[in-house]
PDB file of N, CA and C in Angstrom:
ATOM      1  N   MET A   1      60.408  69.150  97.104  1.00  0.00           N
ATOM      2  CA  MET A   1      60.005  70.510  96.831  1.00  0.00           C
ATOM      3  C   MET A   1      61.170  71.446  97.171  1.00  0.00           C
ATOM      4  N   ALA A   2      61.577  72.267  96.229  1.00  0.00           N
ATOM      5  CA  ALA A   2      62.701  73.186  96.412  1.00  0.00           C
ATOM      6  C   ALA A   2      62.225  74.464  97.100  1.00  0.00           C
ATOM      7  N   THR A   3      63.079  74.979  97.961  1.00  0.00           N
ATOM      8  CA  THR A   3      62.741  76.249  98.622  1.00  0.00           C
ATOM      9  C   THR A   3      63.053  77.394  97.665  1.00  0.00           C
ATOM     10  N   PRO A   4      62.218  78.403  97.641  1.00  0.00           N
ATOM     11  CA  PRO A   4      62.483  79.529  96.732  1.00  0.00           C
ATOM     12  C   PRO A   4      63.736  80.296  97.162  1.00  0.00           C
ATOM     13  N   ALA A   5      64.443  80.813  96.185  1.00  0.00           N
ATOM     14  CA  ALA A   5      65.654  81.586  96.465  1.00  0.00           C
ATOM     15  C   ALA A   5      65.282  82.875  97.181  1.00  0.00           C
ATOM     16  N   ARG A   6      66.096  83.234  98.157  1.00  0.00           N
ATOM     17  CA  ARG A   6      65.850  84.490  98.876  1.00  0.00           C
ATOM     18  C   ARG A   6      66.180  85.667  97.977  1.00  0.00           C
ATOM     19  N   ARG A   7      65.389  86.695  98.091  1.00  0.00           N
ATOM     20  CA  ARG A   7      65.639  87.905  97.321  1.00  0.00           C
ATOM     21  C   ARG A   7      66.530  88.819  98.165  1.00  0.00           C
ATOM     22  N   LEU A   8      67.634  89.247  97.585  1.00  0.00           N
ATOM     23  CA  LEU A   8      68.568  90.115  98.295  1.00  0.00           C
ATOM     24  C   LEU A   8      68.143  91.561  98.142  1.00  0.00           C
ATOM     25  N   ASN A   9      68.255  92.312  99.221  1.00  0.00           N
ATOM     26  CA  ASN A   9      68.017  93.749  99.153  1.00  0.00           C
ATOM     27  C   ASN A   9      69.310  94.413  98.700  1.00  0.00           C
ATOM     28  N   VAL A  10      69.327  94.905  97.488  1.00  0.00           N
ATOM     29  CA  VAL A  10      70.518  95.530  96.940  1.00  0.00           C
ATOM     30  C   VAL A  10      70.368  97.040  97.048  1.00  0.00           C
ATOM     31  N   ARG A  11      71.394  97.673  97.617  1.00  0.00           N
ATOM     32  CA  ARG A  11      71.399  99.131  97.779  1.00  0.00           C
ATOM     33  C   ARG A  11      72.602  99.716  97.075  1.00  0.00           C
ATOM     34  N   PRO A  12      72.451 100.869  96.436  1.00  0.00           N
ATOM     35  CA  PRO A  12      73.628 101.517  95.847  1.00  0.00           C
ATOM     36  C   PRO A  12      74.527 102.064  96.961  1.00  0.00           C
ATOM     37  N   PRO A  13      75.799 102.313  96.673  1.00  0.00           N
ATOM     38  CA  PRO A  13      76.693 102.886  97.686  1.00  0.00           C
ATOM     39  C   PRO A  13      76.169 104.235  98.177  1.00  0.00           C
ATOM     40  N   ASP A  14      76.486 104.594  99.405  1.00  0.00           N
ATOM     41  CA  ASP A  14      76.020 105.858  99.981  1.00  0.00           C
ATOM     42  C   ASP A  14      76.428 107.060  99.152  1.00  0.00           C
ATOM     43  N   LYS A  15      77.624 107.059  98.646  1.00  0.00           N
ATOM     44  CA  LYS A  15      78.126 108.197  97.879  1.00  0.00           C
ATOM     45  C   LYS A  15      77.839 108.064  96.389  1.00  0.00           C
ATOM     46  N   GLY A  16      77.239 106.978  95.965  1.00  0.00           N
ATOM     47  CA  GLY A  16      76.991 106.783  94.542  1.00  0.00           C
ATOM     48  C   GLY A  16      78.228 106.242  93.847  1.00  0.00           C
ATOM     49  N   SER A  17      78.145 106.125  92.546  1.00  0.00           N
ATOM     50  CA  SER A  17      79.294 105.629  91.798  1.00  0.00           C
ATOM     51  C   SER A  17      80.158 106.805  91.367  1.00  0.00           C
ATOM     52  N   PHE A  18      81.365 106.526  90.990  1.00  0.00           N
ATOM     53  CA  PHE A  18      82.255 107.582  90.530  1.00  0.00           C
ATOM     54  C   PHE A  18      82.960 107.093  89.277  1.00  0.00           C
ATOM     55  N   PRO A  19      83.278 107.998  88.368  1.00  0.00           N
ATOM     56  CA  PRO A  19      83.930 107.578  87.124  1.00  0.00           C
ATOM     57  C   PRO A  19      85.370 107.120  87.361  1.00  0.00           C
ATOM     58  N   LEU A  20      85.774 106.141  86.579  1.00  0.00           N
ATOM     59  CA  LEU A  20      87.157 105.697  86.625  1.00  0.00           C
ATOM     60  C   LEU A  20      88.022 106.722  85.904  1.00  0.00           C
ATOM     61  N   ASP A  21      89.277 106.699  86.194  1.00  0.00           N
ATOM     62  CA  ASP A  21      90.221 107.650  85.610  1.00  0.00           C
ATOM     63  C   ASP A  21      90.766 107.077  84.299  1.00  0.00           C
ATOM     64  N   HIS A  22      89.902 106.962  83.282  1.00  0.00           N
ATOM     65  CA  HIS A  22      90.299 106.372  82.010  1.00  0.00           C
ATOM     66  C   HIS A  22      91.382 107.176  81.302  1.00  0.00           C
ATOM     67  N   GLU A  23      91.396 108.468  81.503  1.00  0.00           N
ATOM     68  CA  GLU A  23      92.377 109.324  80.831  1.00  0.00           C
ATOM     69  C   GLU A  23      93.706 109.392  81.585  1.00  0.00           C
ATOM     70  N   GLY A  24      93.766 108.827  82.774  1.00  0.00           N
ATOM     71  CA  GLY A  24      94.998 108.840  83.561  1.00  0.00           C
ATOM     72  C   GLY A  24      95.350 110.204  84.119  1.00  0.00           C
ATOM     73  N   GLU A  25      94.336 111.025  84.366  1.00  0.00           N
ATOM     74  CA  GLU A  25      94.581 112.388  84.835  1.00  0.00           C
ATOM     75  C   GLU A  25      95.240 112.429  86.211  1.00  0.00           C
ATOM     76  N   CYS A  26      94.984 111.440  87.025  1.00  0.00           N
ATOM     77  CA  CYS A  26      95.557 111.409  88.381  1.00  0.00           C
ATOM     78  C   CYS A  26      96.521 110.236  88.567  1.00  0.00           C
ATOM     79  N   LYS A  27      97.001 109.697  87.475  1.00  0.00           N
ATOM     80  CA  LYS A  27      97.854 108.507  87.558  1.00  0.00           C
ATOM     81  C   LYS A  27      99.154 108.776  88.302  1.00  0.00           C
ATOM     82  N   THR A  28      99.804 109.921  88.046  1.00  0.00           N
ATOM     83  CA  THR A  28     101.083 110.183  88.716  1.00  0.00           C
ATOM     84  C   THR A  28     100.895 110.296  90.223  1.00  0.00           C
ATOM     85  N   VAL A  29      99.803 110.919  90.649  1.00  0.00           N
ATOM     86  CA  VAL A  29      99.531 111.068  92.078  1.00  0.00           C
ATOM     87  C   VAL A  29      99.213 109.698  92.684  1.00  0.00           C
ATOM     88  N   MET A  30      98.446 108.886  91.949  1.00  0.00           N
ATOM     89  CA  MET A  30      98.113 107.544  92.418  1.00  0.00           C
ATOM     90  C   MET A  30      99.369 106.679  92.536  1.00  0.00           C
ATOM     91  N   MET A  31     100.277 106.817  91.577  1.00  0.00           N
ATOM     92  CA  MET A  31     101.513 106.034  91.621  1.00  0.00           C
ATOM     93  C   MET A  31     102.380 106.431  92.815  1.00  0.00           C
ATOM     94  N   LYS A  32     102.397 107.708  93.169  1.00  0.00           N
ATOM     95  CA  LYS A  32     103.130 108.146  94.364  1.00  0.00           C
ATOM     96  C   LYS A  32     102.542 107.505  95.615  1.00  0.00           C
ATOM     97  N   TYR A  33     101.219 107.431  95.671  1.00  0.00           N
ATOM     98  CA  TYR A  33     100.555 106.800  96.813  1.00  0.00           C
ATOM     99  C   TYR A  33     100.887 105.308  96.864  1.00  0.00           C
ATOM    100  N   MET A  34     100.809 104.632  95.720  1.00  0.00           N
ATOM    101  CA  MET A  34     101.104 103.205  95.682  1.00  0.00           C
ATOM    102  C   MET A  34     102.568 102.937  96.048  1.00  0.00           C
ATOM    103  N   SER A  35     103.456 103.800  95.604  1.00  0.00           N
ATOM    104  CA  SER A  35     104.872 103.667  95.933  1.00  0.00           C
ATOM    105  C   SER A  35     105.089 103.841  97.436  1.00  0.00           C
ATOM    106  N   CYS A  36     104.387 104.801  98.016  1.00  0.00           N
ATOM    107  CA  CYS A  36     104.483 105.028  99.460  1.00  0.00           C
ATOM    108  C   CYS A  36     104.014 103.789 100.222  1.00  0.00           C
ATOM    109  N   LEU A  37     102.896 103.211  99.766  1.00  0.00           N
ATOM    110  CA  LEU A  37     102.392 101.991 100.422  1.00  0.00           C
ATOM    111  C   LEU A  37     103.418 100.867 100.344  1.00  0.00           C
ATOM    112  N   LYS A  38     104.035 100.720  99.199  1.00  0.00           N
ATOM    113  CA  LYS A  38     105.041  99.670  99.033  1.00  0.00           C
ATOM    114  C   LYS A  38     106.239  99.915  99.947  1.00  0.00           C
ATOM    115  N   THR A  39     106.685 101.162 100.004  1.00  0.00           N
ATOM    116  CA  THR A  39     107.825 101.527 100.848  1.00  0.00           C
ATOM    117  C   THR A  39     107.542 101.251 102.323  1.00  0.00           C
ATOM    118  N   HIS A  40     106.313 101.526 102.742  1.00  0.00           N
ATOM    119  CA  HIS A  40     105.947 101.388 104.157  1.00  0.00           C
ATOM    120  C   HIS A  40     105.194 100.101 104.455  1.00  0.00           C
ATOM    121  N   LYS A  41     105.366  99.096 103.581  1.00  0.00           N
ATOM    122  CA  LYS A  41     104.789  97.760 103.791  1.00  0.00           C
ATOM    123  C   LYS A  41     103.280  97.817 104.051  1.00  0.00           C
ATOM    124  N   GLN A  42     102.576  98.572 103.204  1.00  0.00           N
ATOM    125  CA  GLN A  42     101.110  98.684 103.211  1.00  0.00           C
ATOM    126  C   GLN A  42     100.535  99.360 104.455  1.00  0.00           C
ATOM    127  N   GLU A  43     101.342 100.079 105.206  1.00  0.00           N
ATOM    128  CA  GLU A  43     100.844 100.819 106.371  1.00  0.00           C
ATOM    129  C   GLU A  43     100.294 102.152 105.874  1.00  0.00           C
ATOM    130  N   ASN A  44      98.987 102.178 105.586  1.00  0.00           N
ATOM    131  CA  ASN A  44      98.401 103.351 104.944  1.00  0.00           C
ATOM    132  C   ASN A  44      98.411 104.606 105.804  1.00  0.00           C
ATOM    133  N   ASP A  45      98.513 104.479 107.117  1.00  0.00           N
ATOM    134  CA  ASP A  45      98.562 105.677 107.957  1.00  0.00           C
ATOM    135  C   ASP A  45      99.830 106.493 107.702  1.00  0.00           C
ATOM    136  N   LYS A  46     100.881 105.863 107.182  1.00  0.00           N
ATOM    137  CA  LYS A  46     102.117 106.576 106.874  1.00  0.00           C
ATOM    138  C   LYS A  46     102.054 107.266 105.507  1.00  0.00           C
ATOM    139  N   CYS A  47     100.965 107.042 104.769  1.00  0.00           N
ATOM    140  CA  CYS A  47     100.820 107.610 103.423  1.00  0.00           C
ATOM    141  C   CYS A  47      99.588 108.495 103.322  1.00  0.00           C
ATOM    142  N   ARG A  48      99.176 109.075 104.424  1.00  0.00           N
ATOM    143  CA  ARG A  48      97.966 109.902 104.431  1.00  0.00           C
ATOM    144  C   ARG A  48      98.085 111.118 103.521  1.00  0.00           C
ATOM    145  N   ILE A  49      99.248 111.731 103.473  1.00  0.00           N
ATOM    146  CA  ILE A  49      99.427 112.918 102.633  1.00  0.00           C
ATOM    147  C   ILE A  49      99.251 112.538 101.160  1.00  0.00           C
ATOM    148  N   GLN A  50      99.839 111.419 100.754  1.00  0.00           N
ATOM    149  CA  GLN A  50      99.712 110.988  99.365  1.00  0.00           C
ATOM    150  C   GLN A  50      98.272 110.596  99.043  1.00  0.00           C
ATOM    151  N   ALA A  51      97.586 109.972  99.986  1.00  0.00           N
ATOM    152  CA  ALA A  51      96.186 109.615  99.772  1.00  0.00           C
ATOM    153  C   ALA A  51      95.329 110.869  99.631  1.00  0.00           C
ATOM    154  N   LYS A  52      95.615 111.865 100.443  1.00  0.00           N
ATOM    155  CA  LYS A  52      94.880 113.124 100.353  1.00  0.00           C
ATOM    156  C   LYS A  52      95.154 113.800  99.012  1.00  0.00           C
ATOM    157  N   ASP A  53      96.396 113.769  98.565  1.00  0.00           N
ATOM    158  CA  ASP A  53      96.737 114.330  97.257  1.00  0.00           C
ATOM    159  C   ASP A  53      95.932 113.654  96.147  1.00  0.00           C
ATOM    160  N   TYR A  54      95.803 112.337  96.236  1.00  0.00           N
ATOM    161  CA  TYR A  54      95.058 111.587  95.230  1.00  0.00           C
ATOM    162  C   TYR A  54      93.583 111.986  95.237  1.00  0.00           C
ATOM    163  N   LEU A  55      92.990 112.058  96.406  1.00  0.00           N
ATOM    164  CA  LEU A  55      91.589 112.471  96.500  1.00  0.00           C
ATOM    165  C   LEU A  55      91.410 113.900  95.995  1.00  0.00           C
ATOM    166  N   GLU A  56      92.358 114.764  96.321  1.00  0.00           N
ATOM    167  CA  GLU A  56      92.289 116.149  95.865  1.00  0.00           C
ATOM    168  C   GLU A  56      92.366 116.222  94.344  1.00  0.00           C
ATOM    169  N   CYS A  57      93.226 115.428  93.745  1.00  0.00           N
ATOM    170  CA  CYS A  57      93.328 115.384  92.292  1.00  0.00           C
ATOM    171  C   CYS A  57      92.009 114.923  91.690  1.00  0.00           C
ATOM    172  N   ARG A  58      91.424 113.868  92.242  1.00  0.00           N
ATOM    173  CA  ARG A  58      90.143 113.360  91.722  1.00  0.00           C
ATOM    174  C   ARG A  58      89.044 114.407  91.837  1.00  0.00           C
ATOM    175  N   MET A  59      89.027 115.150  92.927  1.00  0.00           N
ATOM    176  CA  MET A  59      88.013 116.198  93.080  1.00  0.00           C
ATOM    177  C   MET A  59      88.256 117.325  92.078  1.00  0.00           C
ATOM    178  N   ASN A  60      89.514 117.724  91.890  1.00  0.00           N
ATOM    179  CA  ASN A  60      89.841 118.805  90.966  1.00  0.00           C
ATOM    180  C   ASN A  60      89.545 118.452  89.514  1.00  0.00           C
ATOM    181  N   LYS A  61      89.627 117.177  89.170  1.00  0.00           N
ATOM    182  CA  LYS A  61      89.389 116.730  87.792  1.00  0.00           C
ATOM    183  C   LYS A  61      87.951 116.227  87.593  1.00  0.00           C
ATOM    184  N   ASN A  62      87.083 116.471  88.576  1.00  0.00           N
ATOM    185  CA  ASN A  62      85.678 116.044  88.529  1.00  0.00           C
ATOM    186  C   ASN A  62      85.524 114.532  88.367  1.00  0.00           C
ATOM    187  N   LEU A  63      86.432 113.777  88.987  1.00  0.00           N
ATOM    188  CA  LEU A  63      86.326 112.326  89.008  1.00  0.00           C
ATOM    189  C   LEU A  63      85.628 111.849  90.263  1.00  0.00           C
ATOM    190  N   MET A  64      85.345 112.766  91.153  1.00  0.00           N
ATOM    191  CA  MET A  64      84.534 112.481  92.334  1.00  0.00           C
ATOM    192  C   MET A  64      83.968 113.804  92.818  1.00  0.00           C
ATOM    193  N   ALA A  65      82.902 113.724  93.586  1.00  0.00           N
ATOM    194  CA  ALA A  65      82.271 114.937  94.105  1.00  0.00           C
ATOM    195  C   ALA A  65      83.198 115.614  95.105  1.00  0.00           C
ATOM    196  N   LYS A  66      83.166 116.918  95.116  1.00  0.00           N
ATOM    197  CA  LYS A  66      83.957 117.665  96.108  1.00  0.00           C
ATOM    198  C   LYS A  66      83.351 117.406  97.479  1.00  0.00           C
ATOM    199  N   GLU A  67      84.205 117.063  98.412  1.00  0.00           N
ATOM    200  CA  GLU A  67      83.788 116.765  99.784  1.00  0.00           C
ATOM    201  C   GLU A  67      84.636 117.563 100.754  1.00  0.00           C
ATOM    202  N   ASN A  68      84.073 117.794 101.898  1.00  0.00           N
ATOM    203  CA  ASN A  68      84.797 118.422 102.985  1.00  0.00           C
ATOM    204  C   ASN A  68      85.841 117.421 103.496  1.00  0.00           C
ATOM    205  N   TRP A  69      87.058 117.880 103.745  1.00  0.00           N
ATOM    206  CA  TRP A  69      88.118 116.962 104.184  1.00  0.00           C
ATOM    207  C   TRP A  69      87.750 116.216 105.458  1.00  0.00           C
ATOM    208  N   SER A  70      87.013 116.857 106.334  1.00  0.00           N
ATOM    209  CA  SER A  70      86.656 116.179 107.585  1.00  0.00           C
ATOM    210  C   SER A  70      85.752 114.976 107.323  1.00  0.00           C
ATOM    211  N   LYS A  71      84.945 115.021 106.277  1.00  0.00           N
ATOM    212  CA  LYS A  71      84.084 113.884 105.939  1.00  0.00           C
ATOM    213  C   LYS A  71      84.877 112.728 105.334  1.00  0.00           C
ATOM    214  N   LEU A  72      86.067 113.024 104.846  1.00  0.00           N
ATOM    215  CA  LEU A  72      86.909 111.996 104.243  1.00  0.00           C
ATOM    216  C   LEU A  72      87.979 111.490 105.211  1.00  0.00           C
ATOM    217  N   GLY A  73      87.911 111.922 106.455  1.00  0.00           N
ATOM    218  CA  GLY A  73      88.856 111.442 107.461  1.00  0.00           C
ATOM    219  C   GLY A  73      90.107 112.278 107.595  1.00  0.00           C
ATOM    220  N   TYR A  74      90.066 113.495 107.077  1.00  0.00           N
ATOM    221  CA  TYR A  74      91.234 114.377 107.135  1.00  0.00           C
ATOM    222  C   TYR A  74      90.919 115.641 107.917  1.00  0.00           C
ATOM    223  N   ARG A  75      90.221 115.502 109.005  1.00  0.00           N
ATOM    224  CA  ARG A  75      89.855 116.652 109.836  1.00  0.00           C
ATOM    225  C   ARG A  75      91.092 117.419 110.285  1.00  0.00           C
ATOM    226  N   ASP A  76      92.156 116.688 110.592  1.00  0.00           N
ATOM    227  CA  ASP A  76      93.389 117.321 111.062  1.00  0.00           C
ATOM    228  C   ASP A  76      94.166 117.995 109.937  1.00  0.00           C
ATOM    229  N   MET A  77      93.758 117.802 108.687  1.00  0.00           N
ATOM    230  CA  MET A  77      94.460 118.372 107.541  1.00  0.00           C
ATOM    231  C   MET A  77      93.517 119.227 106.695  1.00  0.00           C
ATOM    232  N   ASP A  78      92.474 119.784 107.285  1.00  0.00           N
ATOM    233  CA  ASP A  78      91.446 120.518 106.548  1.00  0.00           C
ATOM    234  C   ASP A  78      91.984 121.576 105.598  1.00  0.00           C
ATOM    235  N   ASP A  79      92.890 122.399 106.047  1.00  0.00           N
ATOM    236  CA  ASP A  79      93.310 123.554 105.262  1.00  0.00           C
ATOM    237  C   ASP A  79      94.633 123.360 104.539  1.00  0.00           C
ATOM    238  N   THR A  80      95.209 122.172 104.612  1.00  0.00           N
ATOM    239  CA  THR A  80      96.502 121.975 103.967  1.00  0.00           C
ATOM    240  C   THR A  80      96.326 121.396 102.588  1.00  0.00           C
ATOM    241  N   SER A  81      96.988 121.982 101.634  1.00  0.00           N
ATOM    242  CA  SER A  81      97.023 121.448 100.278  1.00  0.00           C
ATOM    243  C   SER A  81      98.433 120.953 100.053  1.00  0.00           C
ATOM    244  N   THR A  82      98.589 119.670  99.777  1.00  0.00           N
ATOM    245  CA  THR A  82      99.913 119.098  99.665  1.00  0.00           C
ATOM    246  C   THR A  82     100.307 118.845  98.230  1.00  0.00           C
ATOM    247  N   GLU A  83      99.386 118.989  97.298  1.00  0.00           N
ATOM    248  CA  GLU A  83      99.660 118.724  95.891  1.00  0.00           C
ATOM    249  C   GLU A  83     100.415 119.899  95.285  1.00  0.00           C
ATOM    250  N   THR A  84     101.358 119.611  94.408  1.00  0.00           N
ATOM    251  CA  THR A  84     102.116 120.676  93.782  1.00  0.00           C
ATOM    252  C   THR A  84     101.303 121.306  92.668  1.00  0.00           C
ATOM    253  N   VAL A  85     101.680 122.506  92.286  1.00  0.00           N
ATOM    254  CA  VAL A  85     100.952 123.242  91.250  1.00  0.00           C
ATOM    255  C   VAL A  85     100.977 122.490  89.924  1.00  0.00           C
ATOM    256  N   SER A  86     102.079 121.871  89.566  1.00  0.00           N
ATOM    257  CA  SER A  86     102.185 121.163  88.281  1.00  0.00           C
ATOM    258  C   SER A  86     101.242 119.973  88.208  1.00  0.00           C
ATOM    259  N   GLU A  87     100.940 119.334  89.328  1.00  0.00           N
ATOM    260  CA  GLU A  87     100.049 118.178  89.326  1.00  0.00           C
ATOM    261  C   GLU A  87      98.595 118.597  89.213  1.00  0.00           C
ATOM    262  N   LYS A  88      98.269 119.816  89.585  1.00  0.00           N
ATOM    263  CA  LYS A  88      96.880 120.275  89.519  1.00  0.00           C
ATOM    264  C   LYS A  88      96.463 120.623  88.110  1.00  0.00           C
ATOM    265  N   SER A  89      97.385 120.969  87.254  1.00  0.00           N
ATOM    266  CA  SER A  89      97.002 121.367  85.892  1.00  0.00           C
ATOM    267  C   SER A  89      96.975 120.218  84.936  1.00  0.00           C
TER     268      SER A  89
END
């Protein structure tokens, strides 16, 4: 007699899903972040500014919900905008 398969409790992510950047609107900012990671041997703490720029681009292009920086782990950078004007448009 076979035991019945357990049913898994599946939950959606806390923040929900977010659209992929199919149009490449934030690709240049993402590439800067990836380049920084490569330069610093994947030490992401050294690339926090680039990561924040990427999140800011995604929020500005409606690719993710606007969030308070402190909720995203940038409490110490709440009021700083590091993205250049040309990247925002």
